[in-house]
N, C-alpha and C. Protein backbone atom coordinates (compact mmCIF):
# COMPACT_ATOMS: atom_id res chain seq x y z
N UNK A 1 -18.35 -11.06 -42.24
CA UNK A 1 -17.55 -12.03 -41.50
C UNK A 1 -18.31 -12.48 -40.27
N UNK A 2 -18.30 -13.73 -40.03
CA UNK A 2 -18.96 -14.30 -38.87
C UNK A 2 -18.08 -14.08 -37.65
N UNK A 3 -18.62 -13.44 -36.62
CA UNK A 3 -17.81 -13.13 -35.43
C UNK A 3 -17.41 -14.38 -34.66
N UNK A 4 -18.11 -15.50 -34.90
CA UNK A 4 -17.72 -16.75 -34.23
C UNK A 4 -16.40 -17.29 -34.78
N UNK A 5 -16.05 -16.90 -35.98
CA UNK A 5 -14.82 -17.38 -36.60
C UNK A 5 -13.67 -16.40 -36.45
N UNK A 6 -13.93 -15.27 -35.83
CA UNK A 6 -12.89 -14.26 -35.66
C UNK A 6 -11.81 -14.78 -34.71
N UNK A 7 -10.55 -14.48 -35.00
CA UNK A 7 -9.49 -14.93 -34.10
C UNK A 7 -9.61 -14.26 -32.73
N UNK A 8 -9.30 -15.03 -31.71
CA UNK A 8 -9.37 -14.51 -30.34
C UNK A 8 -8.02 -13.90 -29.99
N UNK A 9 -8.04 -12.64 -29.58
CA UNK A 9 -6.81 -11.98 -29.14
C UNK A 9 -6.67 -12.15 -27.64
N UNK A 10 -5.46 -12.33 -27.21
CA UNK A 10 -5.22 -12.43 -25.77
C UNK A 10 -5.34 -11.05 -25.14
N UNK A 11 -6.12 -10.96 -24.08
CA UNK A 11 -6.33 -9.69 -23.40
C UNK A 11 -5.07 -9.30 -22.63
N UNK A 12 -4.74 -8.03 -22.69
CA UNK A 12 -3.57 -7.51 -21.99
C UNK A 12 -3.95 -6.24 -21.24
N UNK A 13 -3.39 -6.11 -20.05
CA UNK A 13 -3.67 -4.94 -19.20
C UNK A 13 -2.82 -3.76 -19.64
N UNK A 14 -3.37 -2.56 -19.41
CA UNK A 14 -2.57 -1.36 -19.64
C UNK A 14 -2.61 -0.41 -18.45
N UNK A 15 -3.62 -0.53 -17.61
CA UNK A 15 -3.74 0.36 -16.44
C UNK A 15 -4.43 -0.40 -15.31
N UNK A 16 -4.04 -0.12 -14.08
CA UNK A 16 -4.61 -0.78 -12.90
C UNK A 16 -4.98 0.28 -11.87
N UNK A 17 -6.17 0.14 -11.31
CA UNK A 17 -6.60 1.02 -10.22
C UNK A 17 -7.16 0.13 -9.11
N UNK A 18 -6.66 0.34 -7.90
CA UNK A 18 -7.17 -0.39 -6.75
C UNK A 18 -7.84 0.62 -5.84
N UNK A 19 -9.15 0.45 -5.65
CA UNK A 19 -9.90 1.33 -4.76
C UNK A 19 -10.03 0.66 -3.39
N UNK A 20 -10.81 1.24 -2.52
CA UNK A 20 -11.00 0.67 -1.19
C UNK A 20 -11.71 -0.68 -1.24
N UNK A 21 -12.49 -0.92 -2.31
CA UNK A 21 -13.25 -2.17 -2.35
C UNK A 21 -13.20 -2.92 -3.69
N UNK A 22 -12.43 -2.43 -4.66
CA UNK A 22 -12.39 -3.15 -5.93
C UNK A 22 -11.05 -2.99 -6.65
N UNK A 23 -10.82 -3.92 -7.56
CA UNK A 23 -9.67 -3.89 -8.45
C UNK A 23 -10.23 -3.65 -9.85
N UNK A 24 -9.74 -2.61 -10.53
CA UNK A 24 -10.20 -2.29 -11.87
C UNK A 24 -9.00 -2.32 -12.80
N UNK A 25 -9.10 -3.11 -13.85
CA UNK A 25 -8.01 -3.25 -14.82
C UNK A 25 -8.54 -2.83 -16.19
N UNK A 26 -7.89 -1.84 -16.78
CA UNK A 26 -8.22 -1.41 -18.13
C UNK A 26 -7.36 -2.21 -19.10
N UNK A 27 -8.01 -2.78 -20.11
CA UNK A 27 -7.32 -3.60 -21.09
C UNK A 27 -6.97 -2.79 -22.33
N UNK A 28 -5.99 -3.27 -23.07
CA UNK A 28 -5.55 -2.59 -24.28
C UNK A 28 -6.62 -2.55 -25.36
N UNK A 29 -7.58 -3.48 -25.30
CA UNK A 29 -8.63 -3.50 -26.32
C UNK A 29 -9.83 -2.61 -25.98
N UNK A 30 -9.71 -1.84 -24.89
CA UNK A 30 -10.76 -0.89 -24.52
C UNK A 30 -11.69 -1.36 -23.42
N UNK A 31 -11.65 -2.62 -23.08
CA UNK A 31 -12.50 -3.13 -22.00
C UNK A 31 -11.91 -2.80 -20.64
N UNK A 32 -12.77 -2.81 -19.62
CA UNK A 32 -12.35 -2.70 -18.23
C UNK A 32 -12.93 -3.87 -17.47
N UNK A 33 -12.13 -4.43 -16.59
CA UNK A 33 -12.56 -5.55 -15.74
C UNK A 33 -12.53 -5.06 -14.31
N UNK A 34 -13.58 -5.36 -13.58
CA UNK A 34 -13.64 -4.98 -12.17
C UNK A 34 -13.91 -6.23 -11.34
N UNK A 35 -13.21 -6.36 -10.23
CA UNK A 35 -13.41 -7.49 -9.33
C UNK A 35 -13.41 -6.98 -7.90
N UNK A 36 -14.19 -7.62 -7.02
CA UNK A 36 -14.20 -7.19 -5.62
C UNK A 36 -12.85 -7.46 -4.96
N UNK A 37 -12.39 -6.52 -4.17
CA UNK A 37 -11.09 -6.65 -3.52
C UNK A 37 -11.06 -7.81 -2.53
N UNK A 38 -12.20 -8.21 -1.99
CA UNK A 38 -12.22 -9.34 -1.05
C UNK A 38 -11.77 -10.63 -1.71
N UNK A 39 -11.76 -10.68 -3.04
CA UNK A 39 -11.26 -11.86 -3.75
C UNK A 39 -9.74 -11.98 -3.63
N UNK A 40 -9.08 -10.89 -3.30
CA UNK A 40 -7.62 -10.85 -3.26
C UNK A 40 -7.17 -10.33 -1.90
N UNK A 41 -7.07 -11.22 -0.90
CA UNK A 41 -6.79 -10.80 0.48
C UNK A 41 -5.51 -9.99 0.65
N UNK A 42 -4.48 -10.27 -0.13
CA UNK A 42 -3.25 -9.50 0.02
C UNK A 42 -3.47 -8.05 -0.40
N UNK A 43 -4.20 -7.84 -1.47
CA UNK A 43 -4.52 -6.47 -1.87
C UNK A 43 -5.44 -5.82 -0.84
N UNK A 44 -6.41 -6.57 -0.36
CA UNK A 44 -7.34 -6.05 0.64
C UNK A 44 -6.61 -5.60 1.90
N UNK A 45 -5.57 -6.33 2.29
CA UNK A 45 -4.83 -6.00 3.51
C UNK A 45 -3.65 -5.08 3.28
N UNK A 46 -3.41 -4.70 2.04
CA UNK A 46 -2.31 -3.80 1.73
C UNK A 46 -2.65 -2.35 1.99
N UNK A 47 -1.62 -1.56 2.14
CA UNK A 47 -1.81 -0.12 2.29
C UNK A 47 -2.05 0.49 0.91
N UNK A 48 -2.48 1.72 0.89
CA UNK A 48 -2.69 2.41 -0.39
C UNK A 48 -1.39 2.46 -1.19
N UNK A 49 -0.29 2.76 -0.52
CA UNK A 49 1.01 2.83 -1.21
C UNK A 49 1.39 1.46 -1.77
N UNK A 50 1.17 0.39 -1.02
CA UNK A 50 1.49 -0.96 -1.50
C UNK A 50 0.61 -1.34 -2.69
N UNK A 51 -0.66 -0.98 -2.64
CA UNK A 51 -1.57 -1.29 -3.75
C UNK A 51 -1.22 -0.51 -5.01
N UNK A 52 -0.71 0.70 -4.84
CA UNK A 52 -0.36 1.54 -5.99
C UNK A 52 1.00 1.19 -6.57
N UNK A 53 1.76 0.36 -5.90
CA UNK A 53 3.07 -0.05 -6.39
C UNK A 53 2.93 -1.36 -7.16
N UNK A 54 2.50 -1.28 -8.40
CA UNK A 54 2.30 -2.45 -9.25
C UNK A 54 3.09 -2.27 -10.54
N UNK A 55 3.26 -3.38 -11.24
CA UNK A 55 3.87 -3.32 -12.57
C UNK A 55 3.26 -4.40 -13.43
N UNK A 56 3.20 -4.14 -14.72
CA UNK A 56 2.70 -5.12 -15.67
C UNK A 56 3.81 -6.12 -15.95
N UNK A 57 3.43 -7.38 -16.06
CA UNK A 57 4.39 -8.43 -16.38
C UNK A 57 3.91 -9.18 -17.62
N UNK A 58 4.85 -9.77 -18.34
CA UNK A 58 4.50 -10.53 -19.53
C UNK A 58 3.79 -9.71 -20.58
N UNK A 59 4.26 -8.48 -20.79
CA UNK A 59 3.66 -7.57 -21.77
C UNK A 59 2.18 -7.32 -21.51
N UNK A 60 1.81 -7.28 -20.23
CA UNK A 60 0.43 -6.98 -19.85
C UNK A 60 -0.43 -8.20 -19.59
N UNK A 61 0.16 -9.40 -19.66
CA UNK A 61 -0.61 -10.61 -19.38
C UNK A 61 -0.90 -10.76 -17.89
N UNK A 62 -0.14 -10.06 -17.07
CA UNK A 62 -0.32 -10.15 -15.63
C UNK A 62 0.07 -8.87 -14.93
N UNK A 63 -0.21 -8.84 -13.63
CA UNK A 63 0.09 -7.67 -12.78
C UNK A 63 0.81 -8.19 -11.55
N UNK A 64 1.86 -7.48 -11.16
CA UNK A 64 2.66 -7.87 -10.00
C UNK A 64 2.71 -6.72 -9.00
N UNK A 65 2.46 -7.02 -7.72
CA UNK A 65 2.59 -6.07 -6.62
C UNK A 65 3.77 -6.55 -5.77
N UNK A 66 4.96 -5.97 -5.94
CA UNK A 66 6.14 -6.48 -5.22
C UNK A 66 6.04 -6.34 -3.71
N UNK A 67 5.44 -5.28 -3.22
CA UNK A 67 5.36 -5.08 -1.77
C UNK A 67 4.41 -6.07 -1.10
N UNK A 68 3.48 -6.64 -1.88
CA UNK A 68 2.49 -7.57 -1.34
C UNK A 68 2.75 -9.01 -1.78
N UNK A 69 3.79 -9.21 -2.59
CA UNK A 69 4.11 -10.53 -3.13
C UNK A 69 2.88 -11.15 -3.78
N UNK A 70 2.21 -10.38 -4.62
CA UNK A 70 0.97 -10.80 -5.27
C UNK A 70 1.11 -10.70 -6.78
N UNK A 71 0.65 -11.72 -7.48
CA UNK A 71 0.63 -11.74 -8.94
C UNK A 71 -0.75 -12.19 -9.39
N UNK A 72 -1.32 -11.46 -10.35
CA UNK A 72 -2.62 -11.83 -10.91
C UNK A 72 -2.50 -11.86 -12.43
N UNK A 73 -3.14 -12.84 -13.05
CA UNK A 73 -3.16 -12.89 -14.51
C UNK A 73 -4.45 -12.23 -15.00
N UNK A 74 -4.36 -11.59 -16.14
CA UNK A 74 -5.54 -10.97 -16.75
C UNK A 74 -6.56 -12.06 -17.08
N UNK A 75 -6.08 -13.22 -17.52
CA UNK A 75 -6.99 -14.32 -17.82
C UNK A 75 -7.83 -14.73 -16.62
N UNK A 76 -7.22 -14.79 -15.44
CA UNK A 76 -7.97 -15.13 -14.22
C UNK A 76 -9.02 -14.07 -13.89
N UNK A 77 -8.66 -12.82 -14.11
CA UNK A 77 -9.62 -11.75 -13.87
C UNK A 77 -10.81 -11.86 -14.82
N UNK A 78 -10.53 -12.16 -16.08
CA UNK A 78 -11.60 -12.25 -17.08
C UNK A 78 -12.59 -13.36 -16.75
N UNK A 79 -12.09 -14.52 -16.30
CA UNK A 79 -13.00 -15.63 -15.98
C UNK A 79 -13.56 -15.54 -14.57
N UNK A 80 -13.17 -14.52 -13.80
CA UNK A 80 -13.73 -14.33 -12.46
C UNK A 80 -13.18 -15.28 -11.43
N UNK A 81 -11.88 -15.57 -11.51
CA UNK A 81 -11.24 -16.50 -10.57
C UNK A 81 -10.60 -15.72 -9.42
N UNK A 82 -11.11 -15.89 -8.20
CA UNK A 82 -10.49 -15.22 -7.04
C UNK A 82 -9.17 -15.88 -6.66
N UNK A 83 -8.49 -15.29 -5.71
CA UNK A 83 -7.22 -15.82 -5.22
C UNK A 83 -7.39 -17.25 -4.76
N UNK A 84 -6.40 -18.08 -5.07
CA UNK A 84 -6.42 -19.47 -4.65
C UNK A 84 -5.43 -19.73 -3.51
N UNK A 85 -4.96 -18.66 -2.88
CA UNK A 85 -4.00 -18.84 -1.80
C UNK A 85 -4.64 -19.60 -0.65
N UNK A 86 -3.90 -20.59 -0.14
CA UNK A 86 -4.48 -21.37 0.95
C UNK A 86 -4.47 -20.56 2.25
N UNK A 87 -5.39 -20.86 3.15
CA UNK A 87 -5.53 -20.09 4.39
C UNK A 87 -4.27 -20.06 5.25
N UNK A 88 -3.51 -21.15 5.29
CA UNK A 88 -2.31 -21.18 6.12
C UNK A 88 -1.26 -20.21 5.58
N UNK A 89 -1.11 -20.18 4.26
CA UNK A 89 -0.15 -19.26 3.65
C UNK A 89 -0.54 -17.82 3.91
N UNK A 90 -1.82 -17.50 3.76
CA UNK A 90 -2.30 -16.14 4.02
C UNK A 90 -2.08 -15.78 5.49
N UNK A 91 -2.35 -16.71 6.38
CA UNK A 91 -2.16 -16.44 7.82
C UNK A 91 -0.70 -16.11 8.12
N UNK A 92 0.23 -16.90 7.56
CA UNK A 92 1.66 -16.63 7.77
C UNK A 92 2.04 -15.25 7.24
N UNK A 93 1.52 -14.92 6.05
CA UNK A 93 1.83 -13.62 5.45
C UNK A 93 1.28 -12.49 6.32
N UNK A 94 0.05 -12.63 6.80
CA UNK A 94 -0.54 -11.59 7.65
C UNK A 94 0.25 -11.42 8.94
N UNK A 95 0.74 -12.51 9.51
CA UNK A 95 1.52 -12.43 10.75
C UNK A 95 2.82 -11.66 10.54
N UNK A 96 3.41 -11.75 9.37
CA UNK A 96 4.64 -10.99 9.11
C UNK A 96 4.35 -9.50 9.02
N UNK A 97 3.11 -9.14 8.80
CA UNK A 97 2.72 -7.73 8.65
C UNK A 97 2.28 -7.10 9.97
N UNK A 98 2.17 -7.88 11.04
CA UNK A 98 1.68 -7.34 12.31
C UNK A 98 2.61 -6.29 12.90
N UNK A 99 3.90 -6.47 12.73
CA UNK A 99 4.87 -5.52 13.27
C UNK A 99 4.96 -4.32 12.34
N UNK A 100 4.54 -3.13 12.80
CA UNK A 100 4.54 -1.96 11.92
C UNK A 100 5.93 -1.55 11.46
N UNK A 101 6.96 -1.82 12.25
CA UNK A 101 8.31 -1.42 11.84
C UNK A 101 9.05 -2.55 11.14
N UNK A 102 8.52 -3.77 11.24
CA UNK A 102 9.14 -4.94 10.62
C UNK A 102 10.62 -5.05 11.00
N UNK A 103 10.91 -4.83 12.27
CA UNK A 103 12.29 -4.96 12.75
C UNK A 103 12.54 -6.41 13.12
N UNK A 104 13.76 -6.84 12.96
CA UNK A 104 14.15 -8.20 13.31
C UNK A 104 15.14 -8.12 14.46
N UNK A 105 14.87 -8.87 15.51
CA UNK A 105 15.77 -8.89 16.67
C UNK A 105 16.62 -10.14 16.59
N UNK A 106 17.91 -9.96 16.67
CA UNK A 106 18.85 -11.07 16.59
C UNK A 106 19.66 -11.13 17.87
N UNK A 107 19.70 -12.30 18.48
CA UNK A 107 20.52 -12.49 19.67
C UNK A 107 21.83 -13.13 19.25
N UNK A 108 22.93 -12.55 19.71
CA UNK A 108 24.25 -13.08 19.41
C UNK A 108 25.06 -13.09 20.69
N UNK A 109 24.92 -14.17 21.43
CA UNK A 109 25.63 -14.27 22.71
C UNK A 109 25.11 -13.23 23.68
N UNK A 110 26.01 -12.47 24.33
CA UNK A 110 25.58 -11.48 25.31
C UNK A 110 24.97 -10.23 24.67
N UNK A 111 25.10 -10.09 23.35
CA UNK A 111 24.58 -8.89 22.68
C UNK A 111 23.36 -9.23 21.83
N UNK A 112 22.50 -8.25 21.68
CA UNK A 112 21.35 -8.37 20.78
C UNK A 112 21.38 -7.21 19.82
N UNK A 113 20.98 -7.45 18.61
CA UNK A 113 20.96 -6.42 17.59
C UNK A 113 19.56 -6.31 17.00
N UNK A 114 19.17 -5.12 16.67
CA UNK A 114 17.91 -4.90 15.97
C UNK A 114 18.25 -4.40 14.58
N UNK A 115 17.73 -5.10 13.59
CA UNK A 115 17.98 -4.73 12.20
C UNK A 115 16.71 -4.14 11.63
N UNK A 116 16.80 -2.94 11.13
CA UNK A 116 15.66 -2.29 10.52
C UNK A 116 15.92 -2.24 9.01
N UNK A 117 14.99 -2.79 8.21
CA UNK A 117 15.21 -2.75 6.77
C UNK A 117 15.18 -1.32 6.26
N UNK A 118 15.85 -1.05 5.13
CA UNK A 118 15.84 0.30 4.59
C UNK A 118 14.43 0.72 4.20
N UNK A 119 14.16 2.00 4.35
CA UNK A 119 12.84 2.52 3.99
C UNK A 119 12.65 2.42 2.50
N UNK A 120 11.42 2.05 2.10
CA UNK A 120 11.10 1.96 0.69
C UNK A 120 10.36 3.21 0.26
N UNK A 121 10.68 3.66 -0.93
CA UNK A 121 9.94 4.78 -1.48
C UNK A 121 8.73 4.25 -2.22
N UNK A 122 7.55 4.78 -1.93
CA UNK A 122 6.34 4.34 -2.61
C UNK A 122 6.24 5.02 -3.96
N UNK A 123 5.94 4.21 -4.96
CA UNK A 123 5.69 4.76 -6.28
C UNK A 123 4.21 4.85 -6.49
N UNK A 124 3.77 5.94 -7.05
CA UNK A 124 2.36 6.11 -7.34
C UNK A 124 2.14 5.67 -8.78
N UNK A 125 1.08 4.93 -8.99
CA UNK A 125 0.83 4.41 -10.33
C UNK A 125 1.59 3.13 -10.52
N UNK A 126 1.80 2.77 -11.73
CA UNK A 126 2.50 1.53 -12.00
C UNK A 126 3.55 1.75 -13.05
N UNK A 127 4.24 0.70 -13.34
CA UNK A 127 5.25 0.75 -14.37
C UNK A 127 5.03 -0.41 -15.30
N UNK A 128 5.51 -0.29 -16.48
CA UNK A 128 5.42 -1.38 -17.44
C UNK A 128 6.77 -2.06 -17.53
N UNK A 129 6.73 -3.37 -17.59
CA UNK A 129 7.96 -4.14 -17.76
C UNK A 129 8.13 -4.34 -19.26
N UNK A 130 9.28 -4.03 -19.75
CA UNK A 130 9.49 -4.21 -21.19
C UNK A 130 9.77 -5.68 -21.47
N UNK A 131 9.10 -6.16 -22.55
CA UNK A 131 9.20 -7.50 -23.10
C UNK A 131 9.79 -8.47 -22.23
């Protein structure tokens, strides 16, 4: 059989590892894709716990990091496409991360209230989204 005529299977992720400087995605077909973390500023600026809190979406067609509001497609990783987020959007996102407690101060007439969001539990590893 001529390999040029073989049907192309869509690559799907099964495991994700984010190191200090790279993103490594293991595919279901046995391949691994590695990309420099500087290509993905939200991952680069995330904490270890935030980077480890990922889930597969679309039966492995993509990866979602809920704490970082980041989504990557396996197809983009395969073709070597870095993040296309515009600089203004990234700047706004980074500014929301400056406050370590992420408290919101609300003024209501003579009183002011501070609202602290509930603490999130960090999950290690990832989860798979079913179909």
